[in-house]
Amino acid sequence: MNDDTQKKTESGNGRTEEEIKMDASNSVDTMTEEKNAHTPEESQEQPSDQSADLTEAAEEEASDAAVQEYDDLKQEYDALYEKHLRLVAEFENFKKRMEREFSRRVQFTNEEFLREILPVLDDLERAVNSTKESSSFEELKSGVELVYENFKNVLRRRGVEPIDSVGEPFDPELHDAMMVQESEEHDSNVVIDEFERGYKLGDTVLRHAKVVVSK
């Protein structure tokens, strides 16, 4: 029996040893290719799953942060709104107190002023009654002058003063020119007569004096 026959016989298949080795090598190559063909997909699937997990975690964290920020802003808004309501209520109470205080002061001022002019009324009443008992003109004149002086004193205590006009330069802040008249005794633009006296309360003009101005 020659060598080739012996090799085929030993294989038990009628195949040579070289053929068997070649088939085994091809099988190994095929398995390696299949393994290499599946490995990239598996390696790609694993990072993809990890990326999805990371994205989901980031979205969850962002959602929690947004909810927390909303809660913080809502608490801040509620606190500011409550403070606003308190301030509005305090302002309304303050305004009402000021209105009551103003009304009380006005009433007190009016009462005090009326108390001060009551004696003037008493003097005027006595002057009128004196004319019933006496026909003396001097007594009537004296009574009227007393009333006049007392009333001026009441106004003076209140800060009311008459405006000096006659002989003073014309001042549109103090005087109303009712007419202009030529005068040889006065310079131009001087008050030479007064129709109605003016009065001031401090620096405020209560009534302008009605005057005649020279030219």
C-alpha atoms as a PDB file:
ATOM      1  CA  MET A   1       0.000   0.000   0.000  1.00  0.00           C
ATOM      2  CA  ASN A   2       1.508   3.289  -1.037  1.00  0.00           C
ATOM      3  CA  ASP A   3       1.604   6.455   1.172  1.00  0.00           C
ATOM      4  CA  ASP A   4      -1.419   8.244  -0.354  1.00  0.00           C
ATOM      5  CA  THR A   5      -3.590   5.191   0.093  1.00  0.00           C
ATOM      6  CA  GLN A   6      -2.417   4.893   3.652  1.00  0.00           C
ATOM      7  CA  LYS A   7      -3.302   8.540   4.456  1.00  0.00           C
ATOM      8  CA  LYS A   8      -6.814   8.188   2.980  1.00  0.00           C
ATOM      9  CA  THR A   9      -7.345   4.981   4.886  1.00  0.00           C
ATOM     10  CA  GLU A  10      -6.205   6.546   8.198  1.00  0.00           C
ATOM     11  CA  SER A  11      -8.672   9.388   7.821  1.00  0.00           C
ATOM     12  CA  GLY A  12     -11.495   6.853   7.706  1.00  0.00           C
ATOM     13  CA  ASN A  13     -13.297   8.966   5.183  1.00  0.00           C
ATOM     14  CA  GLY A  14     -11.417   8.509   2.063  1.00  0.00           C
ATOM     15  CA  ARG A  15     -10.083  12.117   2.511  1.00  0.00           C
ATOM     16  CA  THR A  16      -6.486  13.033   2.795  1.00  0.00           C
ATOM     17  CA  GLU A  17      -5.063  14.615   5.921  1.00  0.00           C
ATOM     18  CA  GLU A  18      -4.325  17.820   4.019  1.00  0.00           C
ATOM     19  CA  GLU A  19      -8.001  18.124   3.031  1.00  0.00           C
ATOM     20  CA  ILE A  20      -9.085  17.661   6.606  1.00  0.00           C
ATOM     21  CA  LYS A  21      -6.658  20.344   7.813  1.00  0.00           C
ATOM     22  CA  MET A  22      -7.838  22.724   5.081  1.00  0.00           C
ATOM     23  CA  ASP A  23     -11.518  22.230   6.095  1.00  0.00           C
ATOM     24  CA  ALA A  24     -10.630  22.870   9.718  1.00  0.00           C
ATOM     25  CA  SER A  25      -8.795  26.056   8.788  1.00  0.00           C
ATOM     26  CA  ASN A  26     -11.746  27.285   6.736  1.00  0.00           C
ATOM     27  CA  SER A  27     -14.090  26.608   9.638  1.00  0.00           C
ATOM     28  CA  VAL A  28     -11.915  28.659  11.972  1.00  0.00           C
ATOM     29  CA  ASP A  29     -11.823  31.527   9.481  1.00  0.00           C
ATOM     30  CA  THR A  30     -15.592  31.396   9.080  1.00  0.00           C
ATOM     31  CA  MET A  31     -16.122  31.519  12.866  1.00  0.00           C
ATOM     32  CA  THR A  32     -13.684  34.411  13.168  1.00  0.00           C
ATOM     33  CA  GLU A  33     -15.493  36.371  10.444  1.00  0.00           C
ATOM     34  CA  GLU A  34     -18.870  35.717  12.079  1.00  0.00           C
ATOM     35  CA  LYS A  35     -17.491  36.838  15.416  1.00  0.00           C
ATOM     36  CA  ASN A  36     -16.000  39.968  13.886  1.00  0.00           C
ATOM     37  CA  ALA A  37     -19.286  40.649  12.069  1.00  0.00           C
ATOM     38  CA  HIS A  38     -21.266  40.583  15.365  1.00  0.00           C
ATOM     39  CA  THR A  39     -18.762  42.361  17.573  1.00  0.00           C
ATOM     40  CA  PRO A  40     -19.144  45.926  16.109  1.00  0.00           C
ATOM     41  CA  GLU A  41     -22.939  45.805  16.510  1.00  0.00           C
ATOM     42  CA  GLU A  42     -22.614  44.712  20.117  1.00  0.00           C
ATOM     43  CA  SER A  43     -19.983  47.385  20.773  1.00  0.00           C
ATOM     44  CA  GLN A  44     -22.213  50.002  19.147  1.00  0.00           C
ATOM     45  CA  GLU A  45     -25.298  48.922  21.049  1.00  0.00           C
ATOM     46  CA  GLN A  46     -23.605  49.243  24.460  1.00  0.00           C
ATOM     47  CA  PRO A  47     -22.474  52.909  24.091  1.00  0.00           C
ATOM     48  CA  SER A  48     -25.914  53.780  22.633  1.00  0.00           C
ATOM     49  CA  ASP A  49     -27.641  52.396  25.726  1.00  0.00           C
ATOM     50  CA  GLN A  50     -25.263  54.302  27.994  1.00  0.00           C
ATOM     51  CA  SER A  51     -25.879  57.534  26.045  1.00  0.00           C
ATOM     52  CA  ALA A  52     -29.644  57.074  26.356  1.00  0.00           C
ATOM     53  CA  ASP A  53     -29.322  56.565  30.107  1.00  0.00           C
ATOM     54  CA  LEU A  54     -27.189  59.700  30.436  1.00  0.00           C
ATOM     55  CA  THR A  55     -29.667  61.752  28.368  1.00  0.00           C
ATOM     56  CA  GLU A  56     -32.592  60.549  30.446  1.00  0.00           C
ATOM     57  CA  ALA A  57     -30.743  61.375  33.659  1.00  0.00           C
ATOM     58  CA  ALA A  58     -29.856  64.847  32.370  1.00  0.00           C
ATOM     59  CA  GLU A  59     -33.464  65.506  31.356  1.00  0.00           C
ATOM     60  CA  GLU A  60     -34.658  64.337  34.763  1.00  0.00           C
ATOM     61  CA  GLU A  61     -32.168  66.605  36.498  1.00  0.00           C
ATOM     62  CA  ALA A  62     -33.156  69.567  34.301  1.00  0.00           C
ATOM     63  CA  SER A  63     -36.836  68.904  35.022  1.00  0.00           C
ATOM     64  CA  ASP A  64     -36.190  68.796  38.769  1.00  0.00           C
ATOM     65  CA  ALA A  65     -34.198  72.050  38.536  1.00  0.00           C
ATOM     66  CA  ALA A  66     -37.008  73.746  36.587  1.00  0.00           C
ATOM     67  CA  VAL A  67     -39.599  72.621  39.150  1.00  0.00           C
ATOM     68  CA  GLN A  68     -37.416  73.888  42.002  1.00  0.00           C
ATOM     69  CA  GLU A  69     -36.898  77.225  40.237  1.00  0.00           C
ATOM     70  CA  TYR A  70     -40.655  77.538  39.688  1.00  0.00           C
ATOM     71  CA  ASP A  71     -41.325  76.804  43.352  1.00  0.00           C
ATOM     72  CA  ASP A  72     -38.730  79.406  44.416  1.00  0.00           C
ATOM     73  CA  LEU A  73     -40.175  82.045  42.069  1.00  0.00           C
ATOM     74  CA  LYS A  74     -43.720  81.295  43.232  1.00  0.00           C
ATOM     75  CA  GLN A  75     -42.716  81.667  46.867  1.00  0.00           C
ATOM     76  CA  GLU A  76     -40.966  84.944  46.067  1.00  0.00           C
ATOM     77  CA  TYR A  77     -44.022  86.187  44.135  1.00  0.00           C
ATOM     78  CA  ASP A  78     -46.383  85.210  46.955  1.00  0.00           C
ATOM     79  CA  ALA A  79     -44.193  87.038  49.479  1.00  0.00           C
ATOM     80  CA  LEU A  80     -44.019  90.184  47.326  1.00  0.00           C
ATOM     81  CA  TYR A  81     -47.770  90.109  46.649  1.00  0.00           C
ATOM     82  CA  GLU A  82     -48.517  89.771  50.352  1.00  0.00           C
ATOM     83  CA  LYS A  83     -46.157  92.671  51.077  1.00  0.00           C
ATOM     84  CA  HIS A  84     -47.902  94.721  48.368  1.00  0.00           C
ATOM     85  CA  LEU A  85     -51.298  94.053  49.943  1.00  0.00           C
ATOM     86  CA  ARG A  86     -49.986  95.092  53.357  1.00  0.00           C
ATOM     87  CA  LEU A  87     -48.552  98.319  51.947  1.00  0.00           C
ATOM     88  CA  VAL A  88     -51.816  99.140  50.163  1.00  0.00           C
ATOM     89  CA  ALA A  89     -53.779  98.552  53.363  1.00  0.00           C
ATOM     90  CA  GLU A  90     -51.326 100.637  55.407  1.00  0.00           C
ATOM     91  CA  PHE A  91     -51.495 103.462  52.869  1.00  0.00           C
ATOM     92  CA  GLU A  92     -55.302 103.437  52.911  1.00  0.00           C
ATOM     93  CA  ASN A  93     -55.271 103.583  56.708  1.00  0.00           C
ATOM     94  CA  PHE A  94     -52.715 106.401  56.622  1.00  0.00           C
ATOM     95  CA  LYS A  95     -54.811 108.355  54.109  1.00  0.00           C
ATOM     96  CA  LYS A  96     -57.925 107.979  56.246  1.00  0.00           C
ATOM     97  CA  ARG A  97     -56.014 109.119  59.333  1.00  0.00           C
ATOM     98  CA  MET A  98     -54.713 112.168  57.456  1.00  0.00           C
ATOM     99  CA  GLU A  99     -58.209 113.026  56.223  1.00  0.00           C
ATOM    100  CA  ARG A 100     -59.585 112.771  59.745  1.00  0.00           C
ATOM    101  CA  GLU A 101     -56.702 114.827  61.096  1.00  0.00           C
ATOM    102  CA  PHE A 102     -57.164 117.474  58.408  1.00  0.00           C
ATOM    103  CA  SER A 103     -60.890 117.696  59.095  1.00  0.00           C
ATOM    104  CA  ARG A 104     -60.223 117.939  62.825  1.00  0.00           C
ATOM    105  CA  ARG A 105     -57.670 120.721  62.313  1.00  0.00           C
ATOM    106  CA  VAL A 106     -59.995 122.655  60.012  1.00  0.00           C
ATOM    107  CA  GLN A 107     -62.807 122.332  62.520  1.00  0.00           C
ATOM    108  CA  PHE A 108     -60.540 123.379  65.383  1.00  0.00           C
ATOM    109  CA  THR A 109     -59.257 126.371  63.397  1.00  0.00           C
ATOM    110  CA  ASN A 110     -62.756 127.461  62.526  1.00  0.00           C
ATOM    111  CA  GLU A 111     -63.895 127.067  66.130  1.00  0.00           C
ATOM    112  CA  GLU A 112     -60.938 129.039  67.427  1.00  0.00           C
ATOM    113  CA  PHE A 113     -61.460 131.834  64.891  1.00  0.00           C
ATOM    114  CA  LEU A 114     -65.171 132.044  65.674  1.00  0.00           C
ATOM    115  CA  ARG A 115     -64.412 132.272  69.385  1.00  0.00           C
ATOM    116  CA  GLU A 116     -62.086 135.190  68.665  1.00  0.00           C
ATOM    117  CA  ILE A 117     -64.627 137.164  66.624  1.00  0.00           C
ATOM    118  CA  LEU A 118     -67.461 136.670  69.119  1.00  0.00           C
ATOM    119  CA  PRO A 119     -66.195 139.593  71.256  1.00  0.00           C
ATOM    120  CA  VAL A 120     -66.271 141.739  68.100  1.00  0.00           C
ATOM    121  CA  LEU A 121     -69.888 140.782  67.629  1.00  0.00           C
ATOM    122  CA  ASP A 122     -70.530 141.711  71.263  1.00  0.00           C
ATOM    123  CA  ASP A 123     -68.968 145.143  70.700  1.00  0.00           C
ATOM    124  CA  LEU A 124     -71.044 145.673  67.564  1.00  0.00           C
ATOM    125  CA  GLU A 125     -74.192 144.692  69.446  1.00  0.00           C
ATOM    126  CA  ARG A 126     -73.397 147.160  72.257  1.00  0.00           C
ATOM    127  CA  ALA A 127     -72.810 149.913  69.690  1.00  0.00           C
ATOM    128  CA  VAL A 128     -76.183 149.254  68.072  1.00  0.00           C
ATOM    129  CA  ASN A 129     -77.927 149.179  71.455  1.00  0.00           C
ATOM    130  CA  SER A 130     -76.321 152.475  72.432  1.00  0.00           C
ATOM    131  CA  THR A 131     -78.073 154.213  69.523  1.00  0.00           C
ATOM    132  CA  LYS A 132     -81.422 153.176  71.021  1.00  0.00           C
ATOM    133  CA  GLU A 133     -80.634 154.837  74.338  1.00  0.00           C
ATOM    134  CA  SER A 134     -78.846 157.905  72.973  1.00  0.00           C
ATOM    135  CA  SER A 135     -78.947 159.863  69.791  1.00  0.00           C
ATOM    136  CA  SER A 136     -75.365 161.041  70.229  1.00  0.00           C
ATOM    137  CA  PHE A 137     -73.374 160.591  67.060  1.00  0.00           C
ATOM    138  CA  GLU A 138     -70.126 160.567  69.021  1.00  0.00           C
ATOM    139  CA  GLU A 139     -71.215 157.564  71.038  1.00  0.00           C
ATOM    140  CA  LEU A 140     -72.133 155.667  67.861  1.00  0.00           C
ATOM    141  CA  LYS A 141     -68.841 156.623  66.246  1.00  0.00           C
ATOM    142  CA  SER A 142     -66.938 155.537  69.303  1.00  0.00           C
ATOM    143  CA  GLY A 143     -68.708 152.152  69.334  1.00  0.00           C
ATOM    144  CA  VAL A 144     -68.057 151.499  65.647  1.00  0.00           C
ATOM    145  CA  GLU A 145     -64.376 152.428  66.021  1.00  0.00           C
ATOM    146  CA  LEU A 146     -64.102 149.996  68.934  1.00  0.00           C
ATOM    147  CA  VAL A 147     -65.572 147.195  66.828  1.00  0.00           C
ATOM    148  CA  TYR A 148     -63.239 148.033  63.958  1.00  0.00           C
ATOM    149  CA  GLU A 149     -60.116 147.982  66.133  1.00  0.00           C
ATOM    150  CA  ASN A 150     -61.099 144.762  67.843  1.00  0.00           C
ATOM    151  CA  PHE A 151     -61.736 143.033  64.524  1.00  0.00           C
ATOM    152  CA  LYS A 152     -58.365 144.193  63.162  1.00  0.00           C
ATOM    153  CA  ASN A 153     -56.711 142.772  66.267  1.00  0.00           C
ATOM    154  CA  VAL A 154     -58.383 139.407  65.685  1.00  0.00           C
ATOM    155  CA  LEU A 155     -57.083 139.330  62.098  1.00  0.00           C
ATOM    156  CA  ARG A 156     -53.627 140.445  63.209  1.00  0.00           C
ATOM    157  CA  ARG A 157     -53.401 137.583  65.702  1.00  0.00           C
ATOM    158  CA  ARG A 158     -54.200 135.269  62.819  1.00  0.00           C
ATOM    159  CA  GLY A 159     -51.344 136.699  60.786  1.00  0.00           C
ATOM    160  CA  VAL A 160     -53.533 138.807  58.490  1.00  0.00           C
ATOM    161  CA  GLU A 161     -52.036 142.209  57.689  1.00  0.00           C
ATOM    162  CA  PRO A 162     -53.286 145.045  55.430  1.00  0.00           C
ATOM    163  CA  ILE A 163     -51.293 145.830  52.283  1.00  0.00           C
ATOM    164  CA  ASP A 164     -49.793 149.331  52.230  1.00  0.00           C
ATOM    165  CA  SER A 165     -50.767 150.922  48.938  1.00  0.00           C
ATOM    166  CA  VAL A 166     -51.124 154.744  48.826  1.00  0.00           C
ATOM    167  CA  GLY A 167     -47.780 156.390  48.060  1.00  0.00           C
ATOM    168  CA  GLU A 168     -46.160 153.061  47.158  1.00  0.00           C
ATOM    169  CA  PRO A 169     -44.960 152.110  43.661  1.00  0.00           C
ATOM    170  CA  PHE A 170     -47.517 150.079  41.772  1.00  0.00           C
ATOM    171  CA  ASP A 171     -46.875 146.332  42.212  1.00  0.00           C
ATOM    172  CA  PRO A 172     -49.009 143.957  40.134  1.00  0.00           C
ATOM    173  CA  GLU A 173     -48.322 141.247  42.725  1.00  0.00           C
ATOM    174  CA  LEU A 174     -50.134 143.339  45.345  1.00  0.00           C
ATOM    175  CA  HIS A 175     -52.328 145.813  43.468  1.00  0.00           C
ATOM    176  CA  ASP A 176     -55.103 145.778  40.905  1.00  0.00           C
ATOM    177  CA  ALA A 177     -55.096 149.038  38.873  1.00  0.00           C
ATOM    178  CA  MET A 178     -58.703 150.148  38.543  1.00  0.00           C
ATOM    179  CA  MET A 179     -57.776 153.348  36.699  1.00  0.00           C
ATOM    180  CA  VAL A 180     -54.818 155.545  35.712  1.00  0.00           C
ATOM    181  CA  GLN A 181     -54.856 159.239  36.574  1.00  0.00           C
ATOM    182  CA  GLU A 182     -52.530 162.167  35.867  1.00  0.00           C
ATOM    183  CA  SER A 183     -50.891 163.646  38.950  1.00  0.00           C
ATOM    184  CA  GLU A 184     -48.470 166.529  39.336  1.00  0.00           C
ATOM    185  CA  GLU A 185     -47.730 165.589  42.931  1.00  0.00           C
ATOM    186  CA  HIS A 186     -46.567 162.007  42.247  1.00  0.00           C
ATOM    187  CA  ASP A 187     -44.143 160.318  39.942  1.00  0.00           C
ATOM    188  CA  SER A 188     -45.438 158.015  37.260  1.00  0.00           C
ATOM    189  CA  ASN A 189     -46.648 154.536  38.251  1.00  0.00           C
ATOM    190  CA  VAL A 190     -47.346 155.385  41.897  1.00  0.00           C
ATOM    191  CA  VAL A 191     -50.510 154.419  43.794  1.00  0.00           C
ATOM    192  CA  ILE A 192     -52.328 157.677  44.563  1.00  0.00           C
ATOM    193  CA  ASP A 193     -55.660 156.362  45.849  1.00  0.00           C
ATOM    194  CA  GLU A 194     -57.241 153.136  47.106  1.00  0.00           C
ATOM    195  CA  PHE A 195     -60.767 151.911  46.422  1.00  0.00           C
ATOM    196  CA  GLU A 196     -60.500 148.699  48.439  1.00  0.00           C
ATOM    197  CA  ARG A 197     -57.785 147.630  50.848  1.00  0.00           C
ATOM    198  CA  GLY A 198     -55.829 144.451  50.196  1.00  0.00           C
ATOM    199  CA  TYR A 199     -54.684 141.891  52.774  1.00  0.00           C
ATOM    200  CA  LYS A 200     -51.909 139.320  53.143  1.00  0.00           C
ATOM    201  CA  LEU A 201     -51.556 136.191  55.232  1.00  0.00           C
ATOM    202  CA  GLY A 202     -47.814 135.918  55.661  1.00  0.00           C
ATOM    203  CA  ASP A 203     -46.422 135.998  52.117  1.00  0.00           C
ATOM    204  CA  THR A 204     -49.742 134.977  50.555  1.00  0.00           C
ATOM    205  CA  VAL A 205     -51.977 137.659  49.094  1.00  0.00           C
ATOM    206  CA  LEU A 206     -55.518 137.089  50.327  1.00  0.00           C
ATOM    207  CA  ARG A 207     -56.910 139.975  48.316  1.00  0.00           C
ATOM    208  CA  HIS A 208     -55.254 142.459  45.969  1.00  0.00           C
ATOM    209  CA  ALA A 209     -55.754 146.135  46.727  1.00  0.00           C
ATOM    210  CA  LYS A 210     -57.887 147.978  44.168  1.00  0.00           C
ATOM    211  CA  VAL A 211     -56.026 151.216  43.452  1.00  0.00           C
ATOM    212  CA  VAL A 212     -55.637 154.294  41.253  1.00  0.00           C
ATOM    213  CA  VAL A 213     -52.215 154.682  39.601  1.00  0.00           C
ATOM    214  CA  SER A 214     -50.540 157.935  38.533  1.00  0.00           C
ATOM    215  CA  LYS A 215     -49.146 158.597  35.078  1.00  0.00           C
END
